[in-house]
Amino acid sequence: MTAPSLRVQPRVWIGLVIWVGYIVVVFAIQKSTGIPYDTWGDSAGNLFFGAGLSLIVATILLAITTSLLGWWGPAIHEAHRSRHTWPIFVPILVAVAAVLNLAGTDWSAYSSAFLGASLVLLLVGFTEEIVHRGLLLTALRSRFAEVWVWLLSSALFAVMHFVNVLLGAPFAGTVSQVGTAFLMGTALYILRRVTGSLIWAMVLHGVWDFSVFAAGVGTPSGVSVIANLLYLLVGIVGVAIVWVVIRGVDERTPALGSASLQ
């Protein structure tokens, strides 16, 4: 397909500035509300102002940033898909785990206002994907081999979650969240490589995060335990087989002025 020319040549430092900037903006907005992380689920207002507002602002700023850089093409589309498509079972099973979470959700605990506020959480699929497996990935590809692109983008995605400690999340739980985020980052990287597009990763990311939050509202269900075990298992498998979609690939970021992407 044909995409607009790059306006700014991708550089690693640009990707890192965007990564830090995203964390700072989201943290500053969430911290300024004074709503602790572990009370977001207490009410529609807590959820919207504690999490949703920061995602809305971040979505707007990231869309503007991507447009100014002219990076929509390489951020969203792969120049060449993975030669092997079978690893897509990894993100498919993550989707199955999300469905299990939703199936086990106590929907009776949701008011219409709370449901509306929680739907805003779907925006995390756009914001965190365009930052990590979009703009950061594009920047890393300007210098590093693809194995490092996967490893660094997934590691930075995981490390980002440590900021939740500063918002009131328990440290032990956050460490576990960081570990599982690396697994999720790998599954989403596989999805991008196999489909050739970041869009599906955005959708899966948003649905998974929404399902995890939804499953924690109201009376807990045993189905969510099965979902989490499946997620953990398939995430480990994803790390074990990610090399399949990396091997032999050359996804170097196009030079300034290049307009062609497959």
Protein backbone atom coordinates (compact mmCIF):
# COMPACT_ATOMS: atom_id res chain seq x y z
CA MET A 1 0.00 0.00 0.00
CA THR A 2 1.03 3.61 -0.39
CA ALA A 3 1.58 5.76 2.67
CA PRO A 4 2.51 9.42 3.19
CA SER A 5 6.21 10.24 3.23
CA LEU A 6 7.98 10.49 6.54
CA ARG A 7 8.31 14.08 7.74
CA VAL A 8 10.95 13.28 10.38
CA GLN A 9 13.60 10.60 10.01
CA PRO A 10 13.03 7.95 12.73
CA ARG A 11 15.67 7.92 15.45
CA VAL A 12 15.88 5.84 18.62
CA TRP A 13 15.97 8.93 20.83
CA ILE A 14 12.68 10.16 19.35
CA GLY A 15 10.98 6.90 20.24
CA LEU A 16 12.34 7.05 23.79
CA VAL A 17 11.19 10.66 24.23
CA ILE A 18 7.69 9.65 23.12
CA TRP A 19 7.75 6.70 25.54
CA VAL A 20 8.82 8.88 28.48
CA GLY A 21 6.42 11.64 27.45
CA TYR A 22 3.48 9.24 27.37
CA ILE A 23 4.27 7.94 30.86
CA VAL A 24 4.69 11.47 32.24
CA VAL A 25 1.45 12.78 30.72
CA VAL A 26 -0.66 9.81 31.84
CA PHE A 27 0.90 9.74 35.31
CA ALA A 28 0.52 13.50 35.81
CA ILE A 29 -3.16 13.46 34.89
CA GLN A 30 -3.94 10.36 36.95
CA LYS A 31 -1.98 11.64 39.96
CA SER A 32 -3.58 15.09 39.80
CA THR A 33 -7.05 13.57 40.27
CA GLY A 34 -6.08 12.28 43.70
CA ILE A 35 -7.88 9.00 43.02
CA PRO A 36 -5.77 6.01 44.18
CA TYR A 37 -5.17 3.21 41.68
CA ASP A 38 -6.92 0.60 43.81
CA THR A 39 -10.14 2.66 44.04
CA TRP A 40 -10.73 3.17 40.30
CA GLY A 41 -13.34 0.43 40.34
CA ASP A 42 -15.34 1.96 43.21
CA SER A 43 -17.48 4.24 41.03
CA ALA A 44 -18.00 5.52 37.48
CA GLY A 45 -16.49 8.88 38.48
CA ASN A 46 -13.39 7.30 39.96
CA LEU A 47 -12.89 5.20 36.87
CA PHE A 48 -13.39 8.00 34.39
CA PHE A 49 -11.26 10.61 36.14
CA GLY A 50 -8.74 8.13 37.54
CA ALA A 51 -8.02 6.37 34.23
CA GLY A 52 -10.29 7.36 31.35
CA LEU A 53 -9.47 11.07 31.21
CA SER A 54 -5.74 10.44 30.86
CA LEU A 55 -6.38 8.00 28.00
CA ILE A 56 -8.53 10.51 26.12
CA VAL A 57 -5.85 13.22 26.40
CA ALA A 58 -3.09 10.75 25.47
CA THR A 59 -5.03 9.55 22.42
CA ILE A 60 -5.32 13.10 21.09
CA LEU A 61 -1.67 13.95 21.77
CA LEU A 62 -0.39 10.71 20.21
CA ALA A 63 -2.49 11.20 17.08
CA ILE A 64 -1.08 14.71 16.70
CA THR A 65 2.49 13.51 17.35
CA THR A 66 2.25 10.68 14.83
CA SER A 67 0.85 13.04 12.20
CA LEU A 68 3.55 15.66 12.78
CA LEU A 69 6.26 13.01 12.46
CA GLY A 70 4.59 11.45 9.42
CA TRP A 71 5.07 7.99 10.94
CA TRP A 72 1.57 6.56 10.47
CA GLY A 73 2.77 4.25 7.69
CA PRO A 74 5.62 2.39 9.44
CA ALA A 75 3.91 2.64 12.83
CA ILE A 76 0.77 0.87 11.65
CA HIS A 77 1.92 -1.37 8.78
CA GLU A 78 4.68 -3.94 8.31
CA ALA A 79 6.64 -3.71 5.06
CA HIS A 80 6.64 -7.53 4.95
CA ARG A 81 4.59 -9.95 7.00
CA SER A 82 6.10 -12.93 8.76
CA ARG A 83 6.66 -15.85 6.38
CA HIS A 84 5.11 -18.12 9.02
CA THR A 85 1.51 -17.53 10.04
CA TRP A 86 0.96 -20.42 12.46
CA PRO A 87 2.27 -18.46 15.52
CA ILE A 88 -0.97 -16.47 15.35
CA PHE A 89 -2.43 -19.11 17.66
CA VAL A 90 -0.72 -17.21 20.51
CA PRO A 91 -2.76 -14.00 20.21
CA ILE A 92 -5.85 -16.05 19.30
CA LEU A 93 -5.63 -17.87 22.64
CA VAL A 94 -5.16 -14.52 24.39
CA ALA A 95 -8.44 -13.49 22.75
CA VAL A 96 -10.03 -16.70 24.04
CA ALA A 97 -8.83 -15.83 27.55
CA ALA A 98 -10.42 -12.38 27.19
CA VAL A 99 -13.72 -13.97 26.15
CA LEU A 100 -13.56 -16.22 29.22
CA ASN A 101 -13.04 -13.16 31.42
CA LEU A 102 -16.06 -11.47 29.89
CA ALA A 103 -18.14 -14.63 30.20
CA GLY A 104 -17.35 -14.80 33.90
CA THR A 105 -18.00 -11.11 34.59
CA ASP A 106 -20.70 -10.17 37.09
CA TRP A 107 -22.55 -7.81 34.74
CA SER A 108 -25.25 -7.23 37.36
CA ALA A 109 -22.70 -5.15 39.26
CA TYR A 110 -22.51 -2.68 36.36
CA SER A 111 -24.60 0.48 36.21
CA SER A 112 -24.99 2.19 32.83
CA ALA A 113 -22.70 5.02 33.98
CA PHE A 114 -20.05 2.59 35.18
CA LEU A 115 -20.23 0.61 31.95
CA GLY A 116 -19.81 3.81 29.93
CA ALA A 117 -16.78 4.84 31.99
CA SER A 118 -15.23 1.39 31.70
CA LEU A 119 -15.62 1.38 27.90
CA VAL A 120 -13.24 4.34 27.78
CA LEU A 121 -10.56 1.86 28.91
CA LEU A 122 -10.63 0.42 25.38
CA LEU A 123 -8.58 3.46 24.36
CA VAL A 124 -5.58 1.85 26.07
CA GLY A 125 -5.39 -0.41 23.04
CA PHE A 126 -4.62 2.59 20.84
CA THR A 127 -2.41 4.55 23.21
CA GLU A 128 -0.13 1.79 24.49
CA GLU A 129 0.13 0.08 21.10
CA ILE A 130 0.90 3.21 19.08
CA VAL A 131 3.57 4.09 21.66
CA HIS A 132 5.26 0.69 22.00
CA ARG A 133 4.61 -1.41 18.90
CA GLY A 134 4.04 1.64 16.72
CA LEU A 135 6.23 4.70 17.26
CA LEU A 136 8.85 3.11 19.53
CA LEU A 137 9.12 0.09 17.24
CA THR A 138 9.58 2.41 14.23
CA ALA A 139 12.32 4.30 16.06
CA LEU A 140 14.12 1.14 17.20
CA ARG A 141 14.10 -0.26 13.67
CA SER A 142 16.18 2.71 12.55
CA ARG A 143 19.16 1.21 14.38
CA PHE A 144 18.62 -2.26 15.82
CA ALA A 145 18.17 -5.76 14.43
CA GLU A 146 14.63 -7.09 14.75
CA VAL A 147 15.34 -9.36 17.73
CA TRP A 148 16.31 -6.27 19.72
CA VAL A 149 13.29 -4.39 18.44
CA TRP A 150 11.02 -7.10 19.86
CA LEU A 151 12.95 -7.40 23.13
CA LEU A 152 13.30 -3.67 23.83
CA SER A 153 9.77 -2.70 22.84
CA SER A 154 8.30 -5.52 24.94
CA ALA A 155 10.59 -4.78 27.90
CA LEU A 156 9.79 -1.06 27.89
CA PHE A 157 6.10 -1.87 27.63
CA ALA A 158 6.46 -4.03 30.72
CA VAL A 159 8.60 -1.58 32.70
CA MET A 160 6.09 1.21 32.05
CA HIS A 161 3.66 -0.54 34.42
CA PHE A 162 5.92 0.17 37.42
CA VAL A 163 4.47 3.69 37.44
CA ASN A 164 1.31 2.14 38.95
CA VAL A 165 3.18 1.84 42.25
CA LEU A 166 3.36 5.64 42.40
CA LEU A 167 -0.41 5.71 41.90
CA GLY A 168 -1.05 3.48 44.90
CA ALA A 169 -0.82 -0.02 43.46
CA PRO A 170 0.87 -2.65 45.69
CA PHE A 171 4.48 -3.33 44.71
CA ALA A 172 4.25 -7.13 44.71
CA GLY A 173 1.19 -7.10 42.48
CA THR A 174 2.84 -4.60 40.16
CA VAL A 175 5.92 -6.79 39.76
CA SER A 176 3.63 -9.61 38.66
CA GLN A 177 1.85 -7.21 36.30
CA VAL A 178 5.18 -6.18 34.76
CA GLY A 179 6.09 -9.81 34.10
CA THR A 180 2.78 -10.64 32.46
CA ALA A 181 2.93 -7.38 30.46
CA PHE A 182 6.14 -8.60 28.83
CA LEU A 183 4.33 -11.79 27.82
CA MET A 184 1.43 -9.75 26.45
CA GLY A 185 3.81 -7.47 24.58
CA THR A 186 5.32 -10.50 22.87
CA ALA A 187 1.91 -11.87 21.88
CA LEU A 188 0.96 -8.49 20.41
CA TYR A 189 4.28 -8.26 18.55
CA ILE A 190 3.57 -11.69 17.03
CA LEU A 191 0.11 -10.48 16.00
CA ARG A 192 1.59 -7.45 14.26
CA ARG A 193 4.20 -9.51 12.42
CA VAL A 194 1.74 -12.17 11.26
CA THR A 195 -1.10 -9.87 10.18
CA GLY A 196 1.13 -7.07 8.93
CA SER A 197 -0.87 -4.49 10.85
CA LEU A 198 -0.90 -2.89 14.29
CA ILE A 199 -4.69 -2.46 14.18
CA TRP A 200 -5.43 -6.02 15.33
CA ALA A 201 -2.97 -5.63 18.20
CA MET A 202 -4.76 -2.43 19.24
CA VAL A 203 -8.10 -4.24 19.26
CA LEU A 204 -6.83 -7.26 21.20
CA HIS A 205 -4.97 -5.09 23.71
CA GLY A 206 -8.03 -2.96 24.41
CA VAL A 207 -10.36 -5.95 24.74
CA TRP A 208 -7.96 -7.83 27.03
CA ASP A 209 -7.46 -4.90 29.42
CA PHE A 210 -11.21 -4.26 29.48
CA SER A 211 -11.91 -7.94 30.18
CA VAL A 212 -9.42 -8.03 33.07
CA PHE A 213 -11.00 -4.98 34.65
CA ALA A 214 -14.54 -6.25 34.04
CA ALA A 215 -13.77 -9.62 35.63
CA GLY A 216 -12.70 -7.85 38.82
CA VAL A 217 -15.99 -6.00 39.28
CA GLY A 218 -18.70 -7.48 41.49
CA THR A 219 -18.52 -11.11 42.59
CA PRO A 220 -15.36 -12.85 41.29
CA SER A 221 -15.88 -15.85 39.01
CA GLY A 222 -13.81 -19.01 38.83
CA VAL A 223 -13.79 -18.62 35.05
CA SER A 224 -11.34 -15.72 35.36
CA VAL A 225 -8.87 -18.04 37.09
CA ILE A 226 -8.92 -20.31 34.04
CA ALA A 227 -8.55 -17.26 31.79
CA ASN A 228 -5.50 -16.02 33.68
CA LEU A 229 -3.86 -19.44 33.63
CA LEU A 230 -4.45 -19.72 29.89
CA TYR A 231 -3.05 -16.22 29.39
CA LEU A 232 0.07 -17.02 31.40
CA LEU A 233 0.69 -20.31 29.63
CA VAL A 234 0.20 -18.96 26.13
CA GLY A 235 2.35 -15.93 26.96
CA ILE A 236 5.26 -18.18 27.92
CA VAL A 237 4.79 -20.16 24.72
CA GLY A 238 4.81 -16.89 22.79
CA VAL A 239 8.23 -15.94 24.15
CA ALA A 240 9.49 -19.42 23.26
CA ILE A 241 8.39 -19.19 19.62
CA VAL A 242 8.69 -15.46 18.85
CA TRP A 243 11.94 -16.19 16.99
CA VAL A 244 9.85 -17.79 14.24
CA VAL A 245 8.37 -14.45 13.21
CA ILE A 246 11.72 -12.68 13.65
CA ARG A 247 14.01 -15.06 11.73
CA GLY A 248 15.17 -13.70 8.41
CA VAL A 249 13.20 -10.47 8.66
CA ASP A 250 14.48 -7.04 7.62
CA GLU A 251 12.01 -4.40 8.73
CA ARG A 252 14.40 -1.48 8.81
CA THR A 253 12.61 1.86 8.98
CA PRO A 254 12.39 3.49 5.51
CA ALA A 255 14.53 6.54 4.80
CA LEU A 256 13.09 10.05 4.89
CA GLY A 257 11.02 10.62 1.77
CA SER A 258 10.20 6.94 1.23
CA ALA A 259 6.48 6.56 0.47
CA SER A 260 5.97 2.88 -0.29
CA LEU A 261 4.82 0.25 2.18
CA GLN A 262 3.40 -3.13 1.32
